[in-house]
Amino acid sequence: MKKNNKKGFTLAELLIVVAIIAVLTAIAIPVFTTQLEKSREATDMSNLRAAYAEVMATYLANGAKIGSTASTNCQATVTARQTQNGWQNTENGKLIVRVDGAEKSVTVPSKVASNTWTVKIVPSNSKLVVVE
């Protein structure tokens, strides 16, 4: 009597595995893209906060008073990493700064990749810290 030693997968089994992989891929790509955009938003806001800290440290280290010429030299530039426009219109797009012991919200203007923001001290401005 002959033994049937055919080993391997049938065509139906292979098609089912390929279909499952296709469905998982179709679900994973949009989720990954969304998370990538959120990470870019977080990176941009983190870079803006670091620029704010740098500007304020320079401002305070120089002993500059509002309205002095030294305060006009306090600025930093941040390059945008985000590729989708308009995310700054959400709560995540607000830079919260502390000026004179009070928290203030600085609106971040809409920019997309390859554009830059400038964080600077504007002595004549009542907000003091400006993001352009």
N, C-alpha and C. Protein backbone atom coordinates (compact mmCIF):
# COMPACT_ATOMS: atom_id res chain seq x y z
N MET A 1 0.82 -1.15 0.00
CA MET A 1 0.00 0.00 0.00
C MET A 1 0.88 1.24 0.00
N LYS A 2 0.50 2.22 -0.82
CA LYS A 2 1.26 3.46 -0.95
C LYS A 2 0.78 4.50 0.04
N LYS A 3 1.75 5.18 0.66
CA LYS A 3 1.42 6.29 1.56
C LYS A 3 1.34 7.58 0.74
N ASN A 4 0.40 8.43 1.09
CA ASN A 4 0.27 9.73 0.43
C ASN A 4 1.07 10.75 1.24
N ASN A 5 2.28 11.07 0.79
CA ASN A 5 3.17 11.99 1.51
C ASN A 5 3.20 13.38 0.89
N LYS A 6 2.14 13.81 0.28
CA LYS A 6 2.12 15.15 -0.30
C LYS A 6 1.98 16.16 0.85
N LYS A 7 2.99 17.01 0.98
CA LYS A 7 2.97 18.02 2.02
C LYS A 7 2.89 19.39 1.36
N GLY A 8 2.23 20.30 2.02
CA GLY A 8 2.12 21.65 1.50
C GLY A 8 0.73 22.20 1.73
N PHE A 9 0.53 23.42 1.24
CA PHE A 9 -0.75 24.09 1.41
C PHE A 9 -1.55 23.99 0.13
N THR A 10 -2.85 23.98 0.28
CA THR A 10 -3.71 23.98 -0.90
C THR A 10 -3.85 25.41 -1.39
N LEU A 11 -4.33 25.58 -2.59
CA LEU A 11 -4.53 26.91 -3.16
C LEU A 11 -5.53 27.71 -2.33
N ALA A 12 -6.54 27.07 -1.84
CA ALA A 12 -7.55 27.75 -1.03
C ALA A 12 -6.94 28.29 0.26
N GLU A 13 -6.11 27.51 0.91
CA GLU A 13 -5.45 27.97 2.13
C GLU A 13 -4.55 29.17 1.87
N LEU A 14 -3.81 29.14 0.78
CA LEU A 14 -2.93 30.26 0.42
C LEU A 14 -3.74 31.52 0.12
N LEU A 15 -4.87 31.37 -0.57
CA LEU A 15 -5.72 32.52 -0.89
C LEU A 15 -6.32 33.13 0.37
N ILE A 16 -6.68 32.31 1.33
CA ILE A 16 -7.23 32.82 2.58
C ILE A 16 -6.17 33.61 3.34
N VAL A 17 -4.97 33.10 3.40
CA VAL A 17 -3.87 33.80 4.08
C VAL A 17 -3.58 35.14 3.40
N VAL A 18 -3.53 35.16 2.07
CA VAL A 18 -3.28 36.40 1.33
C VAL A 18 -4.41 37.39 1.58
N ALA A 19 -5.65 36.93 1.62
CA ALA A 19 -6.79 37.82 1.88
C ALA A 19 -6.71 38.41 3.29
N ILE A 20 -6.34 37.62 4.26
CA ILE A 20 -6.21 38.13 5.63
C ILE A 20 -5.11 39.18 5.72
N ILE A 21 -3.99 38.93 5.08
CA ILE A 21 -2.89 39.90 5.07
C ILE A 21 -3.32 41.19 4.38
N ALA A 22 -4.07 41.09 3.30
CA ALA A 22 -4.55 42.28 2.58
C ALA A 22 -5.48 43.12 3.46
N VAL A 23 -6.38 42.47 4.19
CA VAL A 23 -7.30 43.19 5.06
C VAL A 23 -6.53 43.88 6.19
N LEU A 24 -5.60 43.19 6.80
CA LEU A 24 -4.80 43.80 7.87
C LEU A 24 -3.99 44.98 7.37
N THR A 25 -3.44 44.87 6.18
CA THR A 25 -2.68 45.97 5.59
C THR A 25 -3.59 47.16 5.30
N ALA A 26 -4.78 46.90 4.78
CA ALA A 26 -5.73 47.98 4.47
C ALA A 26 -6.14 48.74 5.74
N ILE A 27 -6.18 48.06 6.84
CA ILE A 27 -6.52 48.71 8.11
C ILE A 27 -5.31 49.44 8.69
N ALA A 28 -4.14 48.87 8.57
CA ALA A 28 -2.94 49.40 9.23
C ALA A 28 -2.41 50.68 8.57
N ILE A 29 -2.49 50.78 7.26
CA ILE A 29 -1.89 51.94 6.58
C ILE A 29 -2.53 53.26 6.99
N PRO A 30 -3.87 53.40 7.00
CA PRO A 30 -4.44 54.68 7.45
C PRO A 30 -4.14 54.99 8.92
N VAL A 31 -4.13 53.97 9.75
CA VAL A 31 -3.81 54.19 11.18
C VAL A 31 -2.38 54.69 11.31
N PHE A 32 -1.47 54.08 10.59
CA PHE A 32 -0.07 54.50 10.64
C PHE A 32 0.09 55.93 10.13
N THR A 33 -0.59 56.26 9.05
CA THR A 33 -0.50 57.62 8.49
C THR A 33 -1.01 58.66 9.48
N THR A 34 -2.12 58.36 10.14
CA THR A 34 -2.67 59.28 11.13
C THR A 34 -1.70 59.48 12.29
N GLN A 35 -1.12 58.40 12.78
CA GLN A 35 -0.17 58.51 13.88
C GLN A 35 1.09 59.27 13.47
N LEU A 36 1.50 59.10 12.24
CA LEU A 36 2.67 59.83 11.72
C LEU A 36 2.39 61.32 11.70
N GLU A 37 1.20 61.73 11.26
CA GLU A 37 0.84 63.14 11.24
C GLU A 37 0.77 63.71 12.65
N LYS A 38 0.21 62.94 13.59
CA LYS A 38 0.15 63.40 14.98
C LYS A 38 1.55 63.58 15.56
N SER A 39 2.46 62.70 15.19
CA SER A 39 3.83 62.83 15.71
C SER A 39 4.51 64.06 15.13
N ARG A 40 4.21 64.39 13.87
CA ARG A 40 4.76 65.62 13.28
C ARG A 40 4.21 66.86 13.98
N GLU A 41 2.91 66.84 14.29
CA GLU A 41 2.32 67.96 15.02
C GLU A 41 2.99 68.13 16.39
N ALA A 42 3.18 67.02 17.07
CA ALA A 42 3.82 67.07 18.39
C ALA A 42 5.26 67.55 18.28
N THR A 43 5.96 67.14 17.23
CA THR A 43 7.34 67.58 17.01
C THR A 43 7.38 69.08 16.78
N ASP A 44 6.46 69.59 15.95
CA ASP A 44 6.43 71.02 15.68
C ASP A 44 6.16 71.82 16.96
N MET A 45 5.19 71.38 17.75
CA MET A 45 4.88 72.10 18.99
C MET A 45 6.03 72.00 19.98
N SER A 46 6.68 70.87 20.04
CA SER A 46 7.83 70.72 20.92
C SER A 46 8.96 71.66 20.49
N ASN A 47 9.20 71.73 19.20
CA ASN A 47 10.24 72.63 18.68
C ASN A 47 9.88 74.10 18.95
N LEU A 48 8.59 74.44 18.85
CA LEU A 48 8.17 75.81 19.14
C LEU A 48 8.35 76.12 20.64
N ARG A 49 8.03 75.15 21.50
CA ARG A 49 8.24 75.37 22.93
C ARG A 49 9.72 75.54 23.25
N ALA A 50 10.57 74.76 22.59
CA ALA A 50 12.01 74.89 22.80
C ALA A 50 12.50 76.25 22.32
N ALA A 51 11.97 76.71 21.18
CA ALA A 51 12.35 78.04 20.68
C ALA A 51 11.89 79.12 21.63
N TYR A 52 10.69 78.97 22.18
CA TYR A 52 10.19 79.92 23.18
C TYR A 52 11.12 79.96 24.39
N ALA A 53 11.52 78.78 24.87
CA ALA A 53 12.42 78.72 26.03
C ALA A 53 13.76 79.39 25.71
N GLU A 54 14.25 79.15 24.50
CA GLU A 54 15.52 79.77 24.09
C GLU A 54 15.40 81.29 24.04
N VAL A 55 14.31 81.76 23.47
CA VAL A 55 14.11 83.21 23.35
C VAL A 55 13.97 83.85 24.73
N MET A 56 13.19 83.22 25.59
CA MET A 56 13.01 83.79 26.93
C MET A 56 14.29 83.73 27.74
N ALA A 57 15.06 82.65 27.60
CA ALA A 57 16.34 82.55 28.32
C ALA A 57 17.29 83.65 27.87
N THR A 58 17.36 83.87 26.57
CA THR A 58 18.22 84.93 26.04
C THR A 58 17.75 86.30 26.54
N TYR A 59 16.45 86.48 26.51
CA TYR A 59 15.86 87.74 26.96
C TYR A 59 16.18 88.01 28.43
N LEU A 60 16.01 86.97 29.25
CA LEU A 60 16.26 87.15 30.67
C LEU A 60 17.75 87.22 31.00
N ALA A 61 18.58 86.48 30.27
CA ALA A 61 20.03 86.48 30.51
C ALA A 61 20.65 87.83 30.18
N ASN A 62 20.10 88.48 29.18
CA ASN A 62 20.63 89.79 28.79
C ASN A 62 20.14 90.90 29.71
N GLY A 63 19.23 90.56 30.60
CA GLY A 63 18.70 91.58 31.49
C GLY A 63 17.91 92.62 30.74
N ALA A 64 17.36 92.22 29.63
CA ALA A 64 16.65 93.18 28.78
C ALA A 64 15.34 93.62 29.42
N LYS A 65 15.05 94.85 29.28
CA LYS A 65 13.78 95.39 29.72
C LYS A 65 12.90 95.56 28.48
N ILE A 66 11.61 95.49 28.67
CA ILE A 66 10.71 95.67 27.54
C ILE A 66 10.94 97.06 26.96
N GLY A 67 11.14 97.09 25.66
CA GLY A 67 11.38 98.35 24.98
C GLY A 67 12.85 98.64 24.73
N SER A 68 13.76 97.84 25.31
CA SER A 68 15.18 98.09 25.08
C SER A 68 15.60 97.46 23.76
N THR A 69 16.71 97.88 23.22
CA THR A 69 17.18 97.35 21.94
C THR A 69 17.64 95.91 22.07
N ALA A 70 18.09 95.48 23.25
CA ALA A 70 18.54 94.10 23.44
C ALA A 70 17.40 93.12 23.27
N SER A 71 16.19 93.54 23.64
CA SER A 71 15.05 92.62 23.56
C SER A 71 14.63 92.35 22.12
N THR A 72 14.97 93.24 21.20
CA THR A 72 14.58 93.03 19.80
C THR A 72 15.45 91.97 19.13
N ASN A 73 16.59 91.60 19.73
CA ASN A 73 17.46 90.58 19.16
C ASN A 73 17.11 89.17 19.62
N CYS A 74 16.12 89.03 20.46
CA CYS A 74 15.73 87.73 21.00
C CYS A 74 14.74 87.06 20.05
N GLN A 75 15.24 86.17 19.21
CA GLN A 75 14.34 85.42 18.34
C GLN A 75 14.97 84.10 17.94
N ALA A 76 14.11 83.15 17.57
CA ALA A 76 14.56 81.82 17.13
C ALA A 76 13.67 81.39 15.98
N THR A 77 14.24 80.58 15.08
CA THR A 77 13.51 80.09 13.92
C THR A 77 13.30 78.59 14.04
N VAL A 78 12.08 78.15 13.69
CA VAL A 78 11.70 76.73 13.75
C VAL A 78 11.19 76.32 12.38
N THR A 79 11.71 75.20 11.86
CA THR A 79 11.24 74.68 10.58
C THR A 79 10.09 73.71 10.80
N ALA A 80 9.01 73.87 10.03
CA ALA A 80 7.83 73.02 10.16
C ALA A 80 8.11 71.63 9.61
N ARG A 81 7.65 70.61 10.33
CA ARG A 81 7.76 69.21 9.88
C ARG A 81 6.42 68.68 9.38
N GLN A 82 5.34 69.34 9.78
CA GLN A 82 4.00 68.90 9.43
C GLN A 82 3.73 69.05 7.94
N THR A 83 3.00 68.10 7.39
CA THR A 83 2.69 68.15 5.95
C THR A 83 1.24 68.50 5.67
N GLN A 84 0.40 68.53 6.69
CA GLN A 84 -1.00 68.89 6.49
C GLN A 84 -1.26 70.25 7.08
N ASN A 85 -1.93 71.09 6.31
CA ASN A 85 -2.21 72.45 6.74
C ASN A 85 -3.45 72.47 7.64
N GLY A 86 -3.53 73.43 8.51
CA GLY A 86 -4.72 73.66 9.31
C GLY A 86 -4.74 73.00 10.67
N TRP A 87 -3.76 72.19 11.02
CA TRP A 87 -3.78 71.52 12.32
C TRP A 87 -3.60 72.52 13.46
N GLN A 88 -3.05 73.69 13.16
CA GLN A 88 -2.82 74.69 14.20
C GLN A 88 -4.13 75.31 14.70
N ASN A 89 -5.23 75.05 14.00
CA ASN A 89 -6.52 75.61 14.41
C ASN A 89 -7.14 74.85 15.58
N THR A 90 -6.51 73.77 16.01
CA THR A 90 -7.03 72.97 17.12
C THR A 90 -6.35 73.40 18.41
N GLU A 91 -6.78 72.82 19.53
CA GLU A 91 -6.14 73.11 20.81
C GLU A 91 -4.67 72.71 20.80
N ASN A 92 -4.32 71.67 20.03
CA ASN A 92 -2.92 71.24 19.96
C ASN A 92 -2.04 72.29 19.28
N GLY A 93 -2.64 73.20 18.55
CA GLY A 93 -1.89 74.22 17.83
C GLY A 93 -1.72 75.52 18.59
N LYS A 94 -1.98 75.50 19.89
CA LYS A 94 -1.81 76.70 20.69
C LYS A 94 -0.57 76.54 21.56
N LEU A 95 0.28 77.55 21.54
CA LEU A 95 1.48 77.55 22.37
C LEU A 95 1.14 78.31 23.65
N ILE A 96 1.19 77.62 24.78
CA ILE A 96 0.88 78.25 26.06
C ILE A 96 2.20 78.76 26.65
N VAL A 97 2.27 80.07 26.88
CA VAL A 97 3.48 80.67 27.42
C VAL A 97 3.15 81.34 28.75
N ARG A 98 4.20 81.58 29.52
CA ARG A 98 4.04 82.25 30.80
C ARG A 98 4.76 83.59 30.71
N VAL A 99 3.99 84.67 30.78
CA VAL A 99 4.54 86.01 30.72
C VAL A 99 4.06 86.76 31.96
N ASP A 100 4.98 87.34 32.69
CA ASP A 100 4.68 88.08 33.91
C ASP A 100 3.86 87.24 34.90
N GLY A 101 4.17 85.95 35.00
CA GLY A 101 3.51 85.07 35.95
C GLY A 101 2.15 84.57 35.54
N ALA A 102 1.67 84.97 34.37
CA ALA A 102 0.35 84.53 33.91
C ALA A 102 0.48 83.72 32.63
N GLU A 103 -0.36 82.69 32.51
CA GLU A 103 -0.34 81.90 31.28
C GLU A 103 -1.10 82.62 30.19
N LYS A 104 -0.51 82.62 29.00
CA LYS A 104 -1.16 83.22 27.84
C LYS A 104 -1.06 82.26 26.68
N SER A 105 -2.02 82.32 25.81
CA SER A 105 -2.06 81.45 24.65
C SER A 105 -1.57 82.23 23.43
N VAL A 106 -0.58 81.67 22.74
CA VAL A 106 -0.06 82.29 21.52
C VAL A 106 -0.53 81.44 20.36
N THR A 107 -1.22 82.05 19.41
CA THR A 107 -1.71 81.31 18.26
C THR A 107 -0.57 81.03 17.30
N VAL A 108 -0.50 79.79 16.85
CA VAL A 108 0.54 79.38 15.90
C VAL A 108 -0.05 79.49 14.51
N PRO A 109 0.50 80.33 13.64
CA PRO A 109 -0.05 80.46 12.30
C PRO A 109 0.15 79.19 11.48
N SER A 110 -0.76 78.97 10.54
CA SER A 110 -0.69 77.76 9.70
C SER A 110 0.53 77.79 8.81
N LYS A 111 1.30 76.72 8.86
CA LYS A 111 2.46 76.52 7.99
C LYS A 111 2.51 75.04 7.66
N VAL A 112 3.16 74.71 6.57
CA VAL A 112 3.39 73.31 6.24
C VAL A 112 4.88 73.10 5.99
N ALA A 113 5.27 71.85 5.76
CA ALA A 113 6.69 71.50 5.62
C ALA A 113 7.41 72.46 4.69
N SER A 114 8.62 72.73 5.01
CA SER A 114 9.55 73.63 4.31
C SER A 114 9.29 75.10 4.64
N ASN A 115 8.31 75.40 5.46
CA ASN A 115 8.11 76.76 5.94
C ASN A 115 8.69 76.87 7.33
N THR A 116 8.88 78.09 7.78
CA THR A 116 9.47 78.30 9.11
C THR A 116 8.61 79.24 9.93
N TRP A 117 8.68 79.06 11.24
CA TRP A 117 8.10 80.00 12.18
C TRP A 117 9.23 80.78 12.83
N THR A 118 8.94 82.00 13.22
CA THR A 118 9.89 82.78 13.99
C THR A 118 9.24 83.11 15.33
N VAL A 119 9.91 82.71 16.40
CA VAL A 119 9.44 83.03 17.75
C VAL A 119 10.31 84.19 18.21
N LYS A 120 9.67 85.29 18.59
CA LYS A 120 10.47 86.45 18.96
C LYS A 120 9.79 87.29 20.03
N ILE A 121 10.61 88.15 20.61
CA ILE A 121 10.15 89.12 21.60
C ILE A 121 9.82 90.40 20.84
N VAL A 122 8.63 90.91 21.08
CA VAL A 122 8.24 92.18 20.47
C VAL A 122 7.88 93.12 21.63
N PRO A 123 8.81 93.99 21.99
CA PRO A 123 8.61 94.82 23.18
C PRO A 123 7.38 95.72 23.11
N SER A 124 7.03 96.19 21.91
CA SER A 124 5.90 97.10 21.81
C SER A 124 4.57 96.37 21.81
N ASN A 125 4.61 95.05 21.71
CA ASN A 125 3.40 94.25 21.65
C ASN A 125 2.97 93.89 23.08
N SER A 126 1.68 93.96 23.32
CA SER A 126 1.20 93.64 24.67
C SER A 126 1.36 92.15 24.99
N LYS A 127 1.48 91.30 23.96
CA LYS A 127 1.66 89.87 24.18
C LYS A 127 3.11 89.54 24.50
N LEU A 128 4.05 90.35 24.12
CA LEU A 128 5.48 90.18 24.33
C LEU A 128 6.08 89.08 23.48
N VAL A 129 5.50 87.87 23.49
CA VAL A 129 6.03 86.76 22.70
C VAL A 129 5.12 86.58 21.48
N VAL A 130 5.74 86.53 20.30
CA VAL A 130 4.98 86.41 19.05
C VAL A 130 5.53 85.25 18.23
N VAL A 131 4.65 84.49 17.62
CA VAL A 131 5.04 83.44 16.68
C VAL A 131 4.53 83.87 15.32
N GLU A 132 5.44 84.00 14.37
CA GLU A 132 5.06 84.41 13.01
C GLU A 132 5.42 83.32 12.03
